[in-house]
Amino acid sequence: MNNFCKEVKAKLNSEFKPEDIVLIDNSHLHSRHKSFDAEKVHLKLIIKSKLLNNMKRTDAHKMIFSLLKEEMKNKIHALEIKIK
């Protein structure tokens, strides 16, 4: 899982050039949920980016989800986003 998070961070860094980025795997907090799938992750993204921070929150989230489209289909079950 660590490599997957590194790949996601690299993709986000490449696209948005953020000042700071933190990606937290919160999958363990959801392991008892009925729809839990051990093959997918629950991530929390905290990203400090002037580009994203100057946009409407919905537009910034759309950009992030668009960039991670394949990951969302195959590996990410949930993505919580906080933009600073």
Protein backbone atom coordinates (compact mmCIF):
# COMPACT_ATOMS: atom_id res chain seq x y z
CA MET A 1 0.00 0.00 0.00
CA ASN A 2 2.90 2.31 0.73
CA ASN A 3 3.97 2.24 -2.94
CA PHE A 4 0.44 3.08 -4.07
CA CYS A 5 0.35 6.14 -1.79
CA LYS A 6 3.75 7.21 -3.12
CA GLU A 7 2.44 6.91 -6.69
CA VAL A 8 -0.65 8.99 -5.86
CA LYS A 9 1.48 11.66 -4.18
CA ALA A 10 3.84 11.77 -7.15
CA LYS A 11 0.91 12.21 -9.53
CA LEU A 12 -0.55 15.03 -7.42
CA ASN A 13 2.86 16.70 -7.07
CA SER A 14 3.46 16.54 -10.80
CA GLU A 15 0.10 18.06 -11.69
CA PHE A 16 -0.45 20.67 -8.98
CA LYS A 17 3.06 21.50 -7.70
CA PRO A 18 1.75 21.95 -4.14
CA GLU A 19 3.71 23.57 -1.35
CA ASP A 20 2.87 20.59 0.88
CA ILE A 21 1.01 17.33 0.56
CA VAL A 22 0.01 14.72 3.13
CA LEU A 23 -1.72 11.48 2.20
CA ILE A 24 -3.08 9.36 5.04
CA ASP A 25 -4.40 5.81 4.68
CA ASN A 26 -7.49 5.63 6.92
CA SER A 27 -8.63 2.23 5.69
CA HIS A 28 -8.29 0.70 9.15
CA LEU A 29 -11.03 3.05 10.41
CA HIS A 30 -13.50 1.50 7.97
CA SER A 31 -12.66 -2.19 8.26
CA ARG A 32 -15.94 -3.03 10.00
CA HIS A 33 -18.15 -1.30 7.45
CA LYS A 34 -20.48 -3.56 5.50
CA SER A 35 -19.07 -2.40 2.15
CA PHE A 36 -15.40 -2.64 3.23
CA ASP A 37 -13.11 -4.08 0.57
CA ALA A 38 -9.56 -4.89 1.67
CA GLU A 39 -8.41 -4.34 -1.94
CA LYS A 40 -9.44 -0.66 -1.83
CA VAL A 41 -8.32 2.19 0.41
CA HIS A 42 -9.85 5.10 2.25
CA LEU A 43 -7.49 8.06 1.88
CA LYS A 44 -7.33 11.51 3.40
CA LEU A 45 -5.54 14.11 1.31
CA ILE A 46 -4.33 17.35 2.85
CA ILE A 47 -2.86 19.54 0.15
CA LYS A 48 -1.48 23.05 0.36
CA SER A 49 -1.73 24.52 -3.10
CA LYS A 50 -2.20 28.12 -4.17
CA LEU A 51 -3.67 26.92 -7.46
CA LEU A 52 -6.33 24.76 -5.81
CA ASN A 53 -6.96 27.16 -2.94
CA ASN A 54 -7.81 29.98 -5.37
CA MET A 55 -10.54 27.89 -7.02
CA LYS A 56 -14.06 27.06 -5.97
CA ARG A 57 -13.84 24.03 -3.72
CA THR A 58 -16.01 21.95 -6.06
CA ASP A 59 -13.82 22.80 -9.05
CA ALA A 60 -10.64 21.93 -7.14
CA HIS A 61 -12.15 18.60 -6.04
CA LYS A 62 -13.20 17.86 -9.63
CA MET A 63 -9.62 18.45 -10.81
CA ILE A 64 -8.24 16.09 -8.19
CA PHE A 65 -10.83 13.39 -8.91
CA SER A 66 -10.24 13.76 -12.64
CA LEU A 67 -6.49 13.31 -12.17
CA LEU A 68 -7.07 10.22 -10.01
CA LYS A 69 -9.84 8.79 -12.20
CA GLU A 70 -8.23 5.38 -12.72
CA GLU A 71 -7.18 5.07 -9.09
CA MET A 72 -10.74 5.89 -8.01
CA LYS A 73 -12.09 3.12 -10.25
CA ASN A 74 -9.63 0.48 -9.17
CA LYS A 75 -7.96 1.17 -5.84
CA ILE A 76 -9.50 4.09 -3.92
CA HIS A 77 -12.87 3.53 -2.26
CA ALA A 78 -13.03 6.95 -0.59
CA LEU A 79 -11.00 10.15 -0.81
CA GLU A 80 -11.39 12.89 1.79
CA ILE A 81 -9.86 16.16 0.56
CA LYS A 82 -8.73 19.18 2.56
CA ILE A 83 -7.24 22.08 0.62
CA LYS A 84 -5.16 24.71 2.42
